[in-house]
Amino acid sequence: MVFDMVNFCFSFGRLTFAVLAVCLLGCGGDDERATLRGSVTFANEPVERGTIGLIPIEGTKGPTAGGAIEMGKYGITNNGPLPGTYKVTIQAYRNTGKMIKTEALGTIVEVEETEQYIPANFNINTELVIEISAGKNQHDFPL
């Protein structure tokens, strides 16, 4: 659906903006930043492509952080989160096998439709919460 593609672009754009803002503005010394790596699976299958976001919970200082999920793996290393407690959002899209028509730069083009397939309780209404410590962190998300 066109709406799914627009939603994906809008959501990905917001995450990209948040990550860029963190990179440009910074917050505190780099020695406070943590790194986070791990895997993301859904129904026992690696998530091929998606995004992961960290939203600080009240009492945690610092901005949001996030990164890409590729072939079931993610890493948030550059300008990672500050130590604290975070809500985690995971979004992933897959092709539906259908071709749809959409407008791109004033031209009608045919593209493959995508759909968000991770349930809302892992993204828009996330129930995922993790604690990040200083230094290197590892956390897998078997959804």
N, C-alpha and C. Protein backbone atom coordinates (compact mmCIF):
# COMPACT_ATOMS: atom_id res chain seq x y z
N MET A 1 0.83 -1.19 0.00
CA MET A 1 0.00 0.00 0.00
C MET A 1 0.87 1.25 0.00
N VAL A 2 0.39 2.27 -0.63
CA VAL A 2 1.11 3.54 -0.66
C VAL A 2 1.25 4.07 0.76
N PHE A 3 0.19 3.93 1.56
CA PHE A 3 0.24 4.41 2.93
C PHE A 3 1.36 3.75 3.71
N ASP A 4 1.56 2.44 3.55
CA ASP A 4 2.63 1.73 4.25
C ASP A 4 3.98 2.27 3.85
N MET A 5 4.17 2.55 2.55
CA MET A 5 5.45 3.06 2.07
C MET A 5 5.68 4.47 2.60
N VAL A 6 4.64 5.32 2.59
CA VAL A 6 4.76 6.67 3.12
C VAL A 6 5.04 6.60 4.62
N ASN A 7 4.34 5.73 5.33
CA ASN A 7 4.55 5.57 6.77
C ASN A 7 5.98 5.14 7.05
N PHE A 8 6.49 4.19 6.27
CA PHE A 8 7.87 3.73 6.43
C PHE A 8 8.84 4.89 6.22
N CYS A 9 8.66 5.64 5.13
CA CYS A 9 9.55 6.76 4.83
C CYS A 9 9.49 7.80 5.94
N PHE A 10 8.28 8.12 6.41
CA PHE A 10 8.12 9.12 7.46
C PHE A 10 8.77 8.64 8.75
N SER A 11 8.53 7.39 9.14
CA SER A 11 9.11 6.84 10.37
C SER A 11 10.62 6.76 10.27
N PHE A 12 11.12 6.28 9.14
CA PHE A 12 12.56 6.18 8.94
C PHE A 12 13.18 7.57 8.94
N GLY A 13 12.49 8.53 8.34
CA GLY A 13 12.98 9.91 8.31
C GLY A 13 13.08 10.50 9.70
N ARG A 14 12.07 10.24 10.54
CA ARG A 14 12.10 10.74 11.92
C ARG A 14 13.27 10.13 12.68
N LEU A 15 13.47 8.82 12.53
CA LEU A 15 14.57 8.16 13.21
C LEU A 15 15.91 8.71 12.72
N THR A 16 16.03 8.88 11.40
CA THR A 16 17.27 9.42 10.83
C THR A 16 17.53 10.81 11.38
N PHE A 17 16.49 11.66 11.45
CA PHE A 17 16.63 13.00 12.00
C PHE A 17 17.08 12.94 13.45
N ALA A 18 16.49 12.06 14.24
CA ALA A 18 16.86 11.94 15.65
C ALA A 18 18.32 11.52 15.80
N VAL A 19 18.74 10.55 15.00
CA VAL A 19 20.13 10.09 15.07
C VAL A 19 21.06 11.21 14.62
N LEU A 20 20.71 11.95 13.56
CA LEU A 20 21.53 13.05 13.08
C LEU A 20 21.62 14.14 14.14
N ALA A 21 20.50 14.45 14.79
CA ALA A 21 20.51 15.47 15.83
C ALA A 21 21.44 15.09 16.97
N VAL A 22 21.43 13.82 17.34
CA VAL A 22 22.34 13.34 18.39
C VAL A 22 23.78 13.55 17.96
N CYS A 23 24.09 13.22 16.70
CA CYS A 23 25.45 13.36 16.19
C CYS A 23 25.90 14.81 16.18
N LEU A 24 25.01 15.71 15.76
CA LEU A 24 25.37 17.11 15.62
C LEU A 24 25.41 17.85 16.96
N LEU A 25 24.46 17.59 17.82
CA LEU A 25 24.36 18.32 19.07
C LEU A 25 25.19 17.73 20.18
N GLY A 26 25.21 16.41 20.26
CA GLY A 26 25.95 15.74 21.32
C GLY A 26 25.29 16.01 22.67
N CYS A 27 25.76 15.33 23.66
CA CYS A 27 25.21 15.54 25.00
C CYS A 27 26.18 14.92 25.98
N GLY A 28 26.97 15.74 26.65
CA GLY A 28 27.94 15.21 27.59
C GLY A 28 29.18 14.74 26.86
N GLY A 29 30.12 14.21 27.61
CA GLY A 29 31.37 13.72 27.04
C GLY A 29 31.18 12.39 26.36
N ASP A 30 32.01 12.15 25.35
CA ASP A 30 31.92 10.88 24.62
C ASP A 30 32.24 9.69 25.52
N ASP A 31 33.00 9.92 26.61
CA ASP A 31 33.35 8.81 27.49
C ASP A 31 32.14 8.28 28.26
N GLU A 32 31.03 9.04 28.30
CA GLU A 32 29.82 8.58 28.96
C GLU A 32 28.98 7.67 28.08
N ARG A 33 29.18 7.76 26.77
CA ARG A 33 28.35 7.02 25.83
C ARG A 33 28.56 5.52 25.96
N ALA A 34 27.48 4.80 25.74
CA ALA A 34 27.52 3.34 25.75
C ALA A 34 27.36 2.84 24.32
N THR A 35 27.68 1.60 24.08
CA THR A 35 27.40 0.97 22.80
C THR A 35 26.43 -0.17 23.05
N LEU A 36 25.67 -0.49 22.04
CA LEU A 36 24.68 -1.56 22.15
C LEU A 36 24.67 -2.34 20.86
N ARG A 37 24.79 -3.65 20.96
CA ARG A 37 24.76 -4.55 19.81
C ARG A 37 23.87 -5.74 20.14
N GLY A 38 23.39 -6.40 19.10
CA GLY A 38 22.62 -7.60 19.34
C GLY A 38 21.91 -8.08 18.09
N SER A 39 20.95 -8.95 18.31
CA SER A 39 20.17 -9.50 17.21
C SER A 39 18.69 -9.24 17.44
N VAL A 40 17.94 -9.27 16.33
CA VAL A 40 16.48 -9.09 16.39
C VAL A 40 15.86 -10.18 15.53
N THR A 41 15.00 -10.99 16.15
CA THR A 41 14.27 -12.01 15.41
C THR A 41 12.78 -11.82 15.63
N PHE A 42 11.99 -12.24 14.65
CA PHE A 42 10.54 -12.24 14.77
C PHE A 42 10.06 -13.60 14.31
N ALA A 43 9.30 -14.28 15.15
CA ALA A 43 8.81 -15.63 14.86
C ALA A 43 9.98 -16.56 14.51
N ASN A 44 11.05 -16.43 15.28
CA ASN A 44 12.27 -17.25 15.15
C ASN A 44 13.03 -17.04 13.85
N GLU A 45 12.74 -15.95 13.13
CA GLU A 45 13.45 -15.63 11.89
C GLU A 45 14.15 -14.28 12.06
N PRO A 46 15.39 -14.13 11.56
CA PRO A 46 16.07 -12.84 11.65
C PRO A 46 15.29 -11.74 10.92
N VAL A 47 15.21 -10.57 11.52
CA VAL A 47 14.60 -9.41 10.87
C VAL A 47 15.60 -8.93 9.82
N GLU A 48 15.21 -8.99 8.54
CA GLU A 48 16.14 -8.66 7.45
C GLU A 48 16.50 -7.18 7.39
N ARG A 49 15.50 -6.31 7.53
CA ARG A 49 15.76 -4.88 7.48
C ARG A 49 14.75 -4.15 8.35
N GLY A 50 15.24 -3.18 9.07
CA GLY A 50 14.36 -2.42 9.94
C GLY A 50 15.14 -1.38 10.71
N THR A 51 14.52 -0.87 11.75
CA THR A 51 15.16 0.13 12.60
C THR A 51 14.91 -0.21 14.06
N ILE A 52 15.85 0.20 14.90
CA ILE A 52 15.70 0.06 16.34
C ILE A 52 15.93 1.44 16.94
N GLY A 53 15.08 1.83 17.88
CA GLY A 53 15.20 3.13 18.52
C GLY A 53 15.17 3.00 20.03
N LEU A 54 15.91 3.86 20.69
CA LEU A 54 15.94 3.90 22.15
C LEU A 54 15.42 5.26 22.60
N ILE A 55 14.39 5.24 23.45
CA ILE A 55 13.77 6.46 23.95
C ILE A 55 13.99 6.50 25.45
N PRO A 56 14.69 7.53 25.96
CA PRO A 56 14.95 7.57 27.40
C PRO A 56 13.66 7.64 28.21
N ILE A 57 13.64 6.88 29.29
CA ILE A 57 12.52 6.90 30.22
C ILE A 57 12.83 7.96 31.27
N GLU A 58 11.79 8.56 31.82
CA GLU A 58 11.96 9.62 32.82
C GLU A 58 13.04 9.24 33.83
N GLY A 59 13.95 10.17 34.05
CA GLY A 59 15.06 9.93 34.97
C GLY A 59 16.35 9.58 34.25
N THR A 60 16.25 9.22 32.97
CA THR A 60 17.45 8.93 32.17
C THR A 60 17.79 10.19 31.40
N LYS A 61 19.03 10.66 31.56
CA LYS A 61 19.43 11.86 30.82
C LYS A 61 19.91 11.47 29.43
N GLY A 62 19.80 12.41 28.53
CA GLY A 62 20.33 12.17 27.21
C GLY A 62 19.25 12.05 26.16
N PRO A 63 19.67 12.10 24.90
CA PRO A 63 18.74 12.05 23.78
C PRO A 63 18.38 10.62 23.39
N THR A 64 17.50 10.52 22.40
CA THR A 64 17.19 9.21 21.83
C THR A 64 18.40 8.72 21.05
N ALA A 65 18.42 7.43 20.77
CA ALA A 65 19.48 6.84 19.96
C ALA A 65 18.85 5.76 19.11
N GLY A 66 19.53 5.34 18.07
CA GLY A 66 18.97 4.29 17.23
C GLY A 66 19.90 3.89 16.12
N GLY A 67 19.44 2.93 15.35
CA GLY A 67 20.24 2.45 14.24
C GLY A 67 19.44 1.50 13.36
N ALA A 68 20.14 0.98 12.38
CA ALA A 68 19.52 0.07 11.41
C ALA A 68 19.65 -1.38 11.87
N ILE A 69 18.67 -2.17 11.47
CA ILE A 69 18.73 -3.63 11.64
C ILE A 69 18.95 -4.20 10.24
N GLU A 70 19.98 -4.99 10.09
CA GLU A 70 20.27 -5.61 8.81
C GLU A 70 20.61 -7.07 9.03
N MET A 71 19.87 -7.92 8.33
CA MET A 71 20.09 -9.37 8.40
C MET A 71 20.08 -9.88 9.86
N GLY A 72 19.16 -9.33 10.66
CA GLY A 72 18.97 -9.78 12.02
C GLY A 72 19.94 -9.20 13.04
N LYS A 73 20.82 -8.30 12.64
CA LYS A 73 21.82 -7.72 13.55
C LYS A 73 21.67 -6.20 13.59
N TYR A 74 22.00 -5.61 14.73
CA TYR A 74 22.02 -4.17 14.86
C TYR A 74 23.21 -3.76 15.72
N GLY A 75 23.62 -2.53 15.59
CA GLY A 75 24.67 -1.98 16.42
C GLY A 75 24.48 -0.49 16.56
N ILE A 76 24.47 0.00 17.78
CA ILE A 76 24.38 1.43 18.04
C ILE A 76 25.69 1.78 18.72
N THR A 77 26.63 2.31 17.93
CA THR A 77 27.97 2.52 18.45
C THR A 77 28.40 3.98 18.43
N ASN A 78 28.19 4.69 17.35
CA ASN A 78 28.58 6.10 17.27
C ASN A 78 27.51 6.95 17.92
N ASN A 79 27.94 7.76 18.89
CA ASN A 79 26.99 8.58 19.65
C ASN A 79 25.86 7.73 20.21
N GLY A 80 26.22 6.63 20.82
CA GLY A 80 25.26 5.72 21.42
C GLY A 80 24.57 6.35 22.62
N PRO A 81 23.74 5.58 23.29
CA PRO A 81 22.97 6.11 24.42
C PRO A 81 23.85 6.36 25.65
N LEU A 82 23.36 7.22 26.50
CA LEU A 82 23.97 7.39 27.81
C LEU A 82 23.43 6.28 28.70
N PRO A 83 24.15 5.91 29.75
CA PRO A 83 23.62 4.87 30.66
C PRO A 83 22.25 5.27 31.21
N GLY A 84 21.36 4.29 31.32
CA GLY A 84 20.03 4.55 31.85
C GLY A 84 19.02 3.55 31.34
N THR A 85 17.74 3.87 31.55
CA THR A 85 16.64 2.99 31.16
C THR A 85 15.95 3.57 29.93
N TYR A 86 15.67 2.69 28.96
CA TYR A 86 15.12 3.12 27.68
C TYR A 86 13.96 2.23 27.25
N LYS A 87 12.96 2.86 26.62
CA LYS A 87 11.96 2.12 25.86
C LYS A 87 12.62 1.77 24.53
N VAL A 88 12.31 0.61 24.00
CA VAL A 88 12.89 0.17 22.73
C VAL A 88 11.77 0.05 21.70
N THR A 89 11.99 0.64 20.52
CA THR A 89 11.04 0.50 19.42
C THR A 89 11.72 -0.25 18.29
N ILE A 90 11.01 -1.21 17.73
CA ILE A 90 11.54 -2.00 16.62
C ILE A 90 10.51 -1.98 15.49
N GLN A 91 10.97 -1.54 14.32
CA GLN A 91 10.11 -1.53 13.14
C GLN A 91 10.80 -2.33 12.05
N ALA A 92 10.03 -3.07 11.30
CA ALA A 92 10.58 -3.85 10.20
C ALA A 92 9.54 -3.95 9.09
N TYR A 93 10.03 -3.91 7.88
CA TYR A 93 9.16 -3.93 6.70
C TYR A 93 9.60 -5.05 5.78
N ARG A 94 8.63 -5.61 5.10
CA ARG A 94 8.92 -6.66 4.11
C ARG A 94 8.05 -6.42 2.89
N ASN A 95 8.51 -6.96 1.77
CA ASN A 95 7.77 -6.85 0.52
C ASN A 95 6.55 -7.77 0.58
N THR A 96 5.45 -7.30 -0.02
CA THR A 96 4.22 -8.10 -0.04
C THR A 96 4.11 -8.96 -1.29
N GLY A 97 4.93 -8.66 -2.29
CA GLY A 97 4.84 -9.38 -3.56
C GLY A 97 3.93 -8.68 -4.55
N LYS A 98 3.29 -7.59 -4.13
CA LYS A 98 2.40 -6.83 -5.01
C LYS A 98 3.13 -5.60 -5.53
N MET A 99 2.81 -5.23 -6.75
CA MET A 99 3.33 -4.00 -7.32
C MET A 99 2.23 -2.94 -7.22
N ILE A 100 2.63 -1.72 -6.85
CA ILE A 100 1.68 -0.62 -6.74
C ILE A 100 2.21 0.58 -7.51
N LYS A 101 1.31 1.46 -7.91
CA LYS A 101 1.70 2.69 -8.60
C LYS A 101 1.72 3.81 -7.59
N THR A 102 2.75 4.65 -7.70
CA THR A 102 2.88 5.80 -6.83
C THR A 102 3.55 6.92 -7.60
N GLU A 103 3.48 8.11 -7.07
CA GLU A 103 4.10 9.25 -7.74
C GLU A 103 5.45 9.53 -7.11
N ALA A 104 6.46 9.72 -7.95
CA ALA A 104 7.80 10.07 -7.49
C ALA A 104 8.33 11.17 -8.40
N LEU A 105 8.54 12.34 -7.83
CA LEU A 105 9.06 13.50 -8.58
C LEU A 105 8.21 13.81 -9.81
N GLY A 106 6.90 13.74 -9.63
CA GLY A 106 5.97 14.09 -10.70
C GLY A 106 5.75 13.01 -11.74
N THR A 107 6.32 11.85 -11.54
CA THR A 107 6.18 10.74 -12.48
C THR A 107 5.53 9.56 -11.76
N ILE A 108 4.59 8.91 -12.45
CA ILE A 108 3.97 7.71 -11.88
C ILE A 108 4.93 6.54 -12.12
N VAL A 109 5.28 5.86 -11.04
CA VAL A 109 6.17 4.70 -11.14
C VAL A 109 5.53 3.52 -10.44
N GLU A 110 5.96 2.34 -10.81
CA GLU A 110 5.48 1.12 -10.18
C GLU A 110 6.57 0.61 -9.24
N VAL A 111 6.21 0.37 -7.99
CA VAL A 111 7.16 -0.11 -6.99
C VAL A 111 6.55 -1.29 -6.25
N GLU A 112 7.40 -2.05 -5.60
CA GLU A 112 6.90 -3.17 -4.82
C GLU A 112 6.37 -2.66 -3.48
N GLU A 113 5.19 -3.11 -3.12
CA GLU A 113 4.54 -2.72 -1.87
C GLU A 113 5.28 -3.34 -0.69
N THR A 114 5.36 -2.59 0.41
CA THR A 114 5.93 -3.11 1.65
C THR A 114 4.90 -3.00 2.75
N GLU A 115 5.11 -3.78 3.81
CA GLU A 115 4.23 -3.73 4.97
C GLU A 115 5.05 -3.80 6.25
N GLN A 116 4.58 -3.09 7.25
CA GLN A 116 5.16 -3.18 8.59
C GLN A 116 4.60 -4.46 9.20
N TYR A 117 5.46 -5.36 9.64
CA TYR A 117 4.94 -6.63 10.14
C TYR A 117 5.26 -6.91 11.62
N ILE A 118 5.96 -6.03 12.25
CA ILE A 118 6.22 -6.20 13.68
C ILE A 118 5.01 -5.62 14.43
N PRO A 119 4.42 -6.36 15.37
CA PRO A 119 3.25 -5.86 16.10
C PRO A 119 3.52 -4.55 16.84
N ALA A 120 2.47 -3.76 17.02
CA ALA A 120 2.57 -2.43 17.63
C ALA A 120 3.13 -2.46 19.04
N ASN A 121 2.98 -3.56 19.77
CA ASN A 121 3.50 -3.59 21.15
C ASN A 121 5.04 -3.66 21.18
N PHE A 122 5.69 -3.69 20.00
CA PHE A 122 7.13 -3.62 19.92
C PHE A 122 7.60 -2.33 19.26
N ASN A 123 6.68 -1.45 18.86
CA ASN A 123 7.08 -0.19 18.25
C ASN A 123 6.19 0.95 18.74
N ILE A 124 5.13 1.27 18.04
CA ILE A 124 4.33 2.44 18.39
C ILE A 124 3.76 2.39 19.81
N ASN A 125 3.43 1.20 20.30
CA ASN A 125 2.94 0.99 21.67
C ASN A 125 3.90 0.07 22.42
N THR A 126 5.19 0.34 22.30
CA THR A 126 6.20 -0.58 22.80
C THR A 126 6.06 -0.93 24.28
N GLU A 127 6.32 -2.18 24.55
CA GLU A 127 6.37 -2.70 25.91
C GLU A 127 7.80 -3.09 26.27
N LEU A 128 8.72 -2.89 25.32
CA LEU A 128 10.12 -3.28 25.53
C LEU A 128 10.86 -2.20 26.31
N VAL A 129 11.56 -2.61 27.35
CA VAL A 129 12.36 -1.70 28.16
C VAL A 129 13.69 -2.39 28.47
N ILE A 130 14.79 -1.64 28.33
CA ILE A 130 16.10 -2.20 28.69
C ILE A 130 16.89 -1.20 29.51
N GLU A 131 17.84 -1.72 30.24
CA GLU A 131 18.77 -0.92 31.04
C GLU A 131 20.11 -0.94 30.32
N ILE A 132 20.66 0.24 30.07
CA ILE A 132 21.96 0.37 29.40
C ILE A 132 22.99 0.78 30.45
N SER A 133 24.10 0.07 30.49
CA SER A 133 25.22 0.38 31.39
C SER A 133 26.30 1.11 30.60
N ALA A 134 27.20 1.77 31.29
CA ALA A 134 28.34 2.40 30.63
C ALA A 134 29.16 1.32 29.94
N GLY A 135 29.77 1.67 28.82
CA GLY A 135 30.61 0.72 28.09
C GLY A 135 29.83 -0.07 27.06
N LYS A 136 30.28 -1.32 26.85
CA LYS A 136 29.67 -2.19 25.83
C LYS A 136 28.49 -2.96 26.40
N ASN A 137 27.40 -2.99 25.65
CA ASN A 137 26.19 -3.71 26.03
C ASN A 137 25.77 -4.64 24.90
N GLN A 138 25.23 -5.78 25.27
CA GLN A 138 24.71 -6.76 24.30
C GLN A 138 23.28 -7.07 24.71
N HIS A 139 22.35 -6.99 23.73
CA HIS A 139 20.97 -7.35 24.04
C HIS A 139 20.30 -7.88 22.76
N ASP A 140 19.75 -9.07 22.86
CA ASP A 140 19.03 -9.68 21.75
C ASP A 140 17.53 -9.51 21.98
N PHE A 141 16.79 -9.35 20.89
CA PHE A 141 15.35 -9.17 20.95
C PHE A 141 14.66 -10.27 20.17
N PRO A 142 14.30 -11.38 20.84
CA PRO A 142 13.52 -12.44 20.18
C PRO A 142 12.03 -12.11 20.29
N LEU A 143 11.47 -11.53 19.25
CA LEU A 143 10.08 -11.08 19.28
C LEU A 143 9.14 -12.18 18.82
